Protein backbone atom coordinates (compact mmCIF):
# COMPACT_ATOMS: atom_id res chain seq x y z
CA UNK A 1 0.00 0.00 0.00
CA UNK A 2 2.58 2.57 1.04
CA UNK A 3 5.75 3.63 -0.70
CA UNK A 4 8.81 5.78 -0.21
CA UNK A 5 10.19 7.65 -3.18
CA UNK A 6 13.92 8.17 -3.72
CA UNK A 7 15.37 10.24 -6.53
CA UNK A 8 18.75 8.87 -7.56
CA UNK A 9 20.91 11.17 -9.62
CA UNK A 10 22.57 9.77 -12.75
CA UNK A 11 25.98 10.72 -11.44
CA UNK A 12 25.67 8.55 -8.32
CA UNK A 13 28.14 5.68 -8.30
CA UNK A 14 26.83 2.12 -8.03
CA UNK A 15 27.79 1.87 -4.34
CA UNK A 16 26.02 5.18 -3.59
CA UNK A 17 22.88 3.93 -5.35
CA UNK A 18 23.00 0.74 -3.27
CA UNK A 19 23.38 2.74 -0.05
CA UNK A 20 20.38 4.88 -0.99
CA UNK A 21 18.30 1.87 -2.00
CA UNK A 22 19.14 0.00 1.22
CA UNK A 23 18.35 3.08 3.34
CA UNK A 24 14.97 3.56 1.70
CA UNK A 25 14.12 -0.13 2.02
CA UNK A 26 14.95 0.10 5.75
CA UNK A 27 12.83 3.24 6.11
CA UNK A 28 9.92 1.50 4.38
CA UNK A 29 10.29 -1.51 6.69
CA UNK A 30 10.17 0.80 9.74
CA UNK A 31 7.07 2.49 8.35
CA UNK A 32 5.40 -0.89 7.76
CA UNK A 33 6.23 -2.07 11.30
CA UNK A 34 4.79 1.12 12.79
CA UNK A 35 1.63 0.69 10.73
CA UNK A 36 1.21 -2.94 11.84
CA UNK A 37 1.78 -2.08 15.50
CA UNK A 38 -0.63 0.87 15.43
CA UNK A 39 -3.32 -1.22 13.75
CA UNK A 40 -2.90 -3.97 16.34
CA UNK A 41 -3.04 -1.64 19.36
CA UNK A 42 -5.75 0.77 18.19
CA UNK A 43 -7.89 -1.69 16.21
CA UNK A 44 -7.94 0.96 13.48
CA UNK A 45 -7.06 0.45 9.84
CA UNK A 46 -4.21 2.74 8.82
CA UNK A 47 -5.20 4.26 5.49
CA UNK A 48 -2.63 6.15 3.42
CA UNK A 49 -0.45 6.56 6.51
CA UNK A 50 -3.15 8.30 8.55
CA UNK A 51 -4.12 7.06 11.99
CA UNK A 52 -5.04 8.55 15.33
CA UNK A 53 -4.07 7.24 18.71
CA UNK A 54 -3.54 8.60 22.18
CA UNK A 55 -0.08 8.83 23.75
CA UNK A 56 -0.42 5.57 25.70
CA UNK A 57 -1.45 3.67 22.58
CA UNK A 58 1.47 5.09 20.59
CA UNK A 59 3.95 4.19 23.34
CA UNK A 60 2.54 0.65 23.47
CA UNK A 61 2.71 0.34 19.67
CA UNK A 62 6.31 1.60 19.51
CA UNK A 63 7.34 -0.71 22.35
CA UNK A 64 6.10 -3.67 20.27
CA UNK A 65 8.72 -2.93 17.59
CA UNK A 66 12.17 -4.38 18.18
CA UNK A 67 14.59 -1.50 18.71
CA UNK A 68 11.86 1.14 19.02
CA UNK A 69 11.12 0.83 22.75
CA UNK A 70 10.58 4.15 24.49
CA UNK A 71 13.57 5.28 26.53
CA UNK A 72 12.46 8.88 27.01
CA UNK A 73 9.62 11.22 26.12
CA UNK A 74 9.69 14.31 23.92
CA UNK A 75 6.23 15.29 22.67
CA UNK A 76 6.00 17.65 19.71
CA UNK A 77 3.23 19.02 17.53
CA UNK A 78 3.22 19.82 13.84
CA UNK A 79 0.46 21.92 12.38
CA UNK A 80 -0.23 24.93 10.26
CA UNK A 81 1.90 25.61 7.22
CA UNK A 82 3.83 22.33 7.08
CA UNK A 83 2.74 19.70 4.61
CA UNK A 84 2.48 15.97 5.31
CA UNK A 85 5.59 15.20 3.24
CA UNK A 86 7.72 17.55 5.36
CA UNK A 87 6.31 16.12 8.59
CA UNK A 88 7.15 12.58 7.37
CA UNK A 89 10.65 13.66 6.31
CA UNK A 90 11.26 15.28 9.69
CA UNK A 91 10.00 12.14 11.44
CA UNK A 92 12.27 9.77 9.48
CA UNK A 93 15.23 12.11 9.94
CA UNK A 94 14.66 12.10 13.69
CA UNK A 95 14.40 8.27 13.72
CA UNK A 96 17.62 7.84 11.74
CA UNK A 97 19.41 10.48 13.82
CA UNK A 98 18.27 8.79 17.06
CA UNK A 99 19.70 5.51 15.79
CA UNK A 100 23.03 7.21 15.18
CA UNK A 101 22.61 7.42 11.42
CA UNK A 102 23.66 10.14 9.04
CA UNK A 103 20.70 12.12 7.69
CA UNK A 104 22.77 14.24 5.30
CA UNK A 105 22.07 13.61 1.60
CA UNK A 106 24.75 11.85 -0.42
C-alpha atoms as a PDB file:
ATOM      1  CA  UNK A   1       0.000   0.000   0.000  1.00  0.00           C
ATOM      2  CA  UNK A   2       2.584   2.566   1.038  1.00  0.00           C
ATOM      3  CA  UNK A   3       5.748   3.633  -0.699  1.00  0.00           C
ATOM      4  CA  UNK A   4       8.811   5.780  -0.211  1.00  0.00           C
ATOM      5  CA  UNK A   5      10.193   7.651  -3.182  1.00  0.00           C
ATOM      6  CA  UNK A   6      13.918   8.174  -3.720  1.00  0.00           C
ATOM      7  CA  UNK A   7      15.371  10.236  -6.529  1.00  0.00           C
ATOM      8  CA  UNK A   8      18.753   8.867  -7.555  1.00  0.00           C
ATOM      9  CA  UNK A   9      20.915  11.171  -9.618  1.00  0.00           C
ATOM     10  CA  UNK A  10      22.568   9.775 -12.747  1.00  0.00           C
ATOM     11  CA  UNK A  11      25.980  10.716 -11.444  1.00  0.00           C
ATOM     12  CA  UNK A  12      25.669   8.553  -8.323  1.00  0.00           C
ATOM     13  CA  UNK A  13      28.141   5.684  -8.305  1.00  0.00           C
ATOM     14  CA  UNK A  14      26.833   2.117  -8.025  1.00  0.00           C
ATOM     15  CA  UNK A  15      27.788   1.872  -4.337  1.00  0.00           C
ATOM     16  CA  UNK A  16      26.024   5.177  -3.594  1.00  0.00           C
ATOM     17  CA  UNK A  17      22.878   3.935  -5.345  1.00  0.00           C
ATOM     18  CA  UNK A  18      23.004   0.743  -3.273  1.00  0.00           C
ATOM     19  CA  UNK A  19      23.380   2.741  -0.048  1.00  0.00           C
ATOM     20  CA  UNK A  20      20.382   4.883  -0.986  1.00  0.00           C
ATOM     21  CA  UNK A  21      18.299   1.869  -2.001  1.00  0.00           C
ATOM     22  CA  UNK A  22      19.136   0.002   1.218  1.00  0.00           C
ATOM     23  CA  UNK A  23      18.353   3.083   3.336  1.00  0.00           C
ATOM     24  CA  UNK A  24      14.970   3.561   1.698  1.00  0.00           C
ATOM     25  CA  UNK A  25      14.118  -0.133   2.023  1.00  0.00           C
ATOM     26  CA  UNK A  26      14.946   0.101   5.746  1.00  0.00           C
ATOM     27  CA  UNK A  27      12.831   3.243   6.107  1.00  0.00           C
ATOM     28  CA  UNK A  28       9.921   1.503   4.377  1.00  0.00           C
ATOM     29  CA  UNK A  29      10.288  -1.507   6.695  1.00  0.00           C
ATOM     30  CA  UNK A  30      10.167   0.800   9.739  1.00  0.00           C
ATOM     31  CA  UNK A  31       7.075   2.489   8.350  1.00  0.00           C
ATOM     32  CA  UNK A  32       5.401  -0.892   7.760  1.00  0.00           C
ATOM     33  CA  UNK A  33       6.235  -2.070  11.298  1.00  0.00           C
ATOM     34  CA  UNK A  34       4.794   1.120  12.794  1.00  0.00           C
ATOM     35  CA  UNK A  35       1.633   0.688  10.729  1.00  0.00           C
ATOM     36  CA  UNK A  36       1.205  -2.941  11.837  1.00  0.00           C
ATOM     37  CA  UNK A  37       1.775  -2.076  15.501  1.00  0.00           C
ATOM     38  CA  UNK A  38      -0.635   0.870  15.433  1.00  0.00           C
ATOM     39  CA  UNK A  39      -3.317  -1.222  13.747  1.00  0.00           C
ATOM     40  CA  UNK A  40      -2.905  -3.970  16.336  1.00  0.00           C
ATOM     41  CA  UNK A  41      -3.036  -1.642  19.361  1.00  0.00           C
ATOM     42  CA  UNK A  42      -5.753   0.769  18.187  1.00  0.00           C
ATOM     43  CA  UNK A  43      -7.891  -1.692  16.213  1.00  0.00           C
ATOM     44  CA  UNK A  44      -7.938   0.960  13.478  1.00  0.00           C
ATOM     45  CA  UNK A  45      -7.063   0.454   9.843  1.00  0.00           C
ATOM     46  CA  UNK A  46      -4.206   2.743   8.822  1.00  0.00           C
ATOM     47  CA  UNK A  47      -5.202   4.261   5.490  1.00  0.00           C
ATOM     48  CA  UNK A  48      -2.631   6.147   3.423  1.00  0.00           C
ATOM     49  CA  UNK A  49      -0.448   6.562   6.511  1.00  0.00           C
ATOM     50  CA  UNK A  50      -3.150   8.304   8.546  1.00  0.00           C
ATOM     51  CA  UNK A  51      -4.124   7.062  11.994  1.00  0.00           C
ATOM     52  CA  UNK A  52      -5.044   8.549  15.327  1.00  0.00           C
ATOM     53  CA  UNK A  53      -4.066   7.243  18.715  1.00  0.00           C
ATOM     54  CA  UNK A  54      -3.541   8.598  22.176  1.00  0.00           C
ATOM     55  CA  UNK A  55      -0.080   8.831  23.746  1.00  0.00           C
ATOM     56  CA  UNK A  56      -0.417   5.575  25.704  1.00  0.00           C
ATOM     57  CA  UNK A  57      -1.454   3.665  22.577  1.00  0.00           C
ATOM     58  CA  UNK A  58       1.465   5.090  20.590  1.00  0.00           C
ATOM     59  CA  UNK A  59       3.952   4.186  23.339  1.00  0.00           C
ATOM     60  CA  UNK A  60       2.541   0.649  23.467  1.00  0.00           C
ATOM     61  CA  UNK A  61       2.713   0.339  19.671  1.00  0.00           C
ATOM     62  CA  UNK A  62       6.311   1.597  19.505  1.00  0.00           C
ATOM     63  CA  UNK A  63       7.345  -0.705  22.348  1.00  0.00           C
ATOM     64  CA  UNK A  64       6.098  -3.674  20.271  1.00  0.00           C
ATOM     65  CA  UNK A  65       8.717  -2.930  17.590  1.00  0.00           C
ATOM     66  CA  UNK A  66      12.174  -4.385  18.181  1.00  0.00           C
ATOM     67  CA  UNK A  67      14.585  -1.498  18.713  1.00  0.00           C
ATOM     68  CA  UNK A  68      11.858   1.136  19.017  1.00  0.00           C
ATOM     69  CA  UNK A  69      11.119   0.833  22.751  1.00  0.00           C
ATOM     70  CA  UNK A  70      10.580   4.153  24.489  1.00  0.00           C
ATOM     71  CA  UNK A  71      13.566   5.279  26.533  1.00  0.00           C
ATOM     72  CA  UNK A  72      12.459   8.884  27.012  1.00  0.00           C
ATOM     73  CA  UNK A  73       9.619  11.220  26.115  1.00  0.00           C
ATOM     74  CA  UNK A  74       9.691  14.311  23.920  1.00  0.00           C
ATOM     75  CA  UNK A  75       6.234  15.288  22.669  1.00  0.00           C
ATOM     76  CA  UNK A  76       5.997  17.651  19.711  1.00  0.00           C
ATOM     77  CA  UNK A  77       3.232  19.024  17.534  1.00  0.00           C
ATOM     78  CA  UNK A  78       3.215  19.819  13.841  1.00  0.00           C
ATOM     79  CA  UNK A  79       0.457  21.916  12.379  1.00  0.00           C
ATOM     80  CA  UNK A  80      -0.231  24.928  10.264  1.00  0.00           C
ATOM     81  CA  UNK A  81       1.900  25.607   7.223  1.00  0.00           C
ATOM     82  CA  UNK A  82       3.829  22.328   7.081  1.00  0.00           C
ATOM     83  CA  UNK A  83       2.737  19.696   4.606  1.00  0.00           C
ATOM     84  CA  UNK A  84       2.482  15.972   5.314  1.00  0.00           C
ATOM     85  CA  UNK A  85       5.587  15.201   3.236  1.00  0.00           C
ATOM     86  CA  UNK A  86       7.723  17.547   5.362  1.00  0.00           C
ATOM     87  CA  UNK A  87       6.311  16.122   8.591  1.00  0.00           C
ATOM     88  CA  UNK A  88       7.150  12.577   7.370  1.00  0.00           C
ATOM     89  CA  UNK A  89      10.645  13.656   6.305  1.00  0.00           C
ATOM     90  CA  UNK A  90      11.264  15.278   9.685  1.00  0.00           C
ATOM     91  CA  UNK A  91      10.000  12.136  11.437  1.00  0.00           C
ATOM     92  CA  UNK A  92      12.266   9.770   9.478  1.00  0.00           C
ATOM     93  CA  UNK A  93      15.235  12.110   9.938  1.00  0.00           C
ATOM     94  CA  UNK A  94      14.655  12.100  13.692  1.00  0.00           C
ATOM     95  CA  UNK A  95      14.396   8.273  13.721  1.00  0.00           C
ATOM     96  CA  UNK A  96      17.618   7.840  11.737  1.00  0.00           C
ATOM     97  CA  UNK A  97      19.408  10.476  13.822  1.00  0.00           C
ATOM     98  CA  UNK A  98      18.271   8.794  17.065  1.00  0.00           C
ATOM     99  CA  UNK A  99      19.705   5.511  15.795  1.00  0.00           C
ATOM    100  CA  UNK A 100      23.033   7.207  15.180  1.00  0.00           C
ATOM    101  CA  UNK A 101      22.608   7.418  11.415  1.00  0.00           C
ATOM    102  CA  UNK A 102      23.664  10.144   9.036  1.00  0.00           C
ATOM    103  CA  UNK A 103      20.704  12.120   7.693  1.00  0.00           C
ATOM    104  CA  UNK A 104      22.768  14.243   5.302  1.00  0.00           C
ATOM    105  CA  UNK A 105      22.072  13.613   1.602  1.00  0.00           C
ATOM    106  CA  UNK A 106      24.748  11.854  -0.421  1.00  0.00           C
END
